């Protein structure tokens, strides 16, 4: 899973959609495999790896949020809606 997270982050940095899709699928497969652990108790070394995976997943989440903010900003600029305000002075509504 850790390798998949590293690949996922690298794919986001490179804007490589195909690599991002492959890495995300690998991550989901690893999550399913980990979900089969009986009793949920992890050995210390496995717990350490799980904590590293959680940190990497948090990093990936930050990249996703940054990418989404950039897309939103670009769309606003294309729509002539910079700053979320329209030329009529009203605030634009977002879903």
Protein backbone atom coordinates (compact mmCIF):
# COMPACT_ATOMS: atom_id res chain seq x y z
CA UNK A 1 0.00 0.00 0.00
CA UNK A 2 2.84 2.38 0.80
CA UNK A 3 4.29 1.91 -2.67
CA UNK A 4 0.87 2.57 -4.21
CA UNK A 5 0.55 5.77 -2.19
CA UNK A 6 3.97 6.97 -3.34
CA UNK A 7 3.01 6.25 -6.95
CA UNK A 8 -0.36 7.96 -6.44
CA UNK A 9 1.28 11.14 -5.12
CA UNK A 10 3.85 11.14 -7.93
CA UNK A 11 1.07 10.71 -10.50
CA UNK A 12 -0.81 13.70 -9.08
CA UNK A 13 2.36 15.81 -9.16
CA UNK A 14 2.89 14.82 -12.81
CA UNK A 15 -0.80 15.17 -13.77
CA UNK A 16 -0.67 11.57 -15.06
CA UNK A 17 -4.27 10.40 -14.94
CA UNK A 18 -3.56 6.84 -16.14
CA UNK A 19 -0.85 6.32 -13.50
CA UNK A 20 -3.12 7.85 -10.85
CA UNK A 21 -5.91 5.43 -11.77
CA UNK A 22 -3.55 2.42 -11.61
CA UNK A 23 -2.10 3.53 -8.27
CA UNK A 24 -5.53 4.16 -6.79
CA UNK A 25 -6.70 0.69 -7.87
CA UNK A 26 -3.57 -0.86 -6.31
CA UNK A 27 -4.24 1.08 -3.10
CA UNK A 28 -7.86 -0.13 -2.96
CA UNK A 29 -6.74 -3.73 -3.46
CA UNK A 30 -4.24 -3.34 -0.60
CA UNK A 31 -6.95 -1.86 1.62
CA UNK A 32 -9.21 -4.83 0.90
CA UNK A 33 -6.36 -7.22 1.75
CA UNK A 34 -5.69 -5.43 5.02
CA UNK A 35 -9.37 -5.50 5.91
CA UNK A 36 -9.20 -9.30 6.11
CA UNK A 37 -6.91 -9.17 9.18
CA UNK A 38 -8.76 -10.95 11.97
CA UNK A 39 -9.53 -9.08 15.16
CA UNK A 40 -8.05 -5.79 13.95
CA UNK A 41 -4.99 -6.20 16.18
CA UNK A 42 -1.77 -5.29 14.41
CA UNK A 43 1.73 -6.24 15.39
CA UNK A 44 3.95 -3.24 16.23
CA UNK A 45 5.86 -3.29 12.93
CA UNK A 46 2.63 -3.62 10.94
CA UNK A 47 1.06 -0.81 12.96
CA UNK A 48 4.07 1.38 12.15
CA UNK A 49 3.59 0.71 8.44
CA UNK A 50 -0.14 1.47 8.77
CA UNK A 51 0.69 4.80 10.41
CA UNK A 52 3.10 5.64 7.57
CA UNK A 53 0.38 4.75 5.06
CA UNK A 54 -2.02 7.05 6.90
CA UNK A 55 0.47 9.93 6.71
CA UNK A 56 0.99 9.32 3.00
CA UNK A 57 -2.76 9.17 2.45
CA UNK A 58 -3.10 12.52 4.25
CA UNK A 59 -0.46 13.93 1.89
CA UNK A 60 -2.37 12.57 -1.10
CA UNK A 61 -5.56 14.19 0.25
CA UNK A 62 -3.78 17.54 0.44
CA UNK A 63 -2.70 17.21 -3.20
CA UNK A 64 -6.27 16.36 -4.21
CA UNK A 65 -7.55 19.45 -2.40
CA UNK A 66 -4.91 21.64 -4.07
CA UNK A 67 -5.72 20.25 -7.50
CA UNK A 68 -9.45 20.80 -6.93
CA UNK A 69 -8.81 24.39 -5.81
CA UNK A 70 -6.73 25.05 -8.93
CA UNK A 71 -9.45 23.63 -11.18
CA UNK A 72 -12.10 25.72 -9.40
CA UNK A 73 -9.99 28.86 -9.80
CA UNK A 74 -9.39 28.21 -13.49
CA UNK A 75 -13.08 27.57 -14.12
CA UNK A 76 -13.96 30.78 -12.31
CA UNK A 77 -11.51 32.69 -14.47
CA UNK A 78 -12.90 31.13 -17.66
CA UNK A 79 -16.43 31.99 -16.57
CA UNK A 80 -15.42 35.56 -15.75
CA UNK A 81 -16.20 34.85 -12.13
CA UNK A 82 -12.88 35.56 -10.40
CA UNK A 83 -13.15 35.64 -6.63
CA UNK A 84 -16.58 34.04 -6.61
CA UNK A 85 -18.35 37.31 -7.41
CA UNK A 86 -20.30 38.00 -10.55
CA UNK A 87 -20.41 41.25 -12.46
CA UNK A 88 -23.89 41.89 -11.06
CA UNK A 89 -22.40 42.08 -7.56
CA UNK A 90 -23.95 38.83 -6.32
CA UNK A 91 -21.99 35.98 -4.86
CA UNK A 92 -21.86 32.93 -7.08
CA UNK A 93 -23.37 29.72 -5.68
CA UNK A 94 -21.26 26.54 -5.71
CA UNK A 95 -22.30 22.96 -5.19
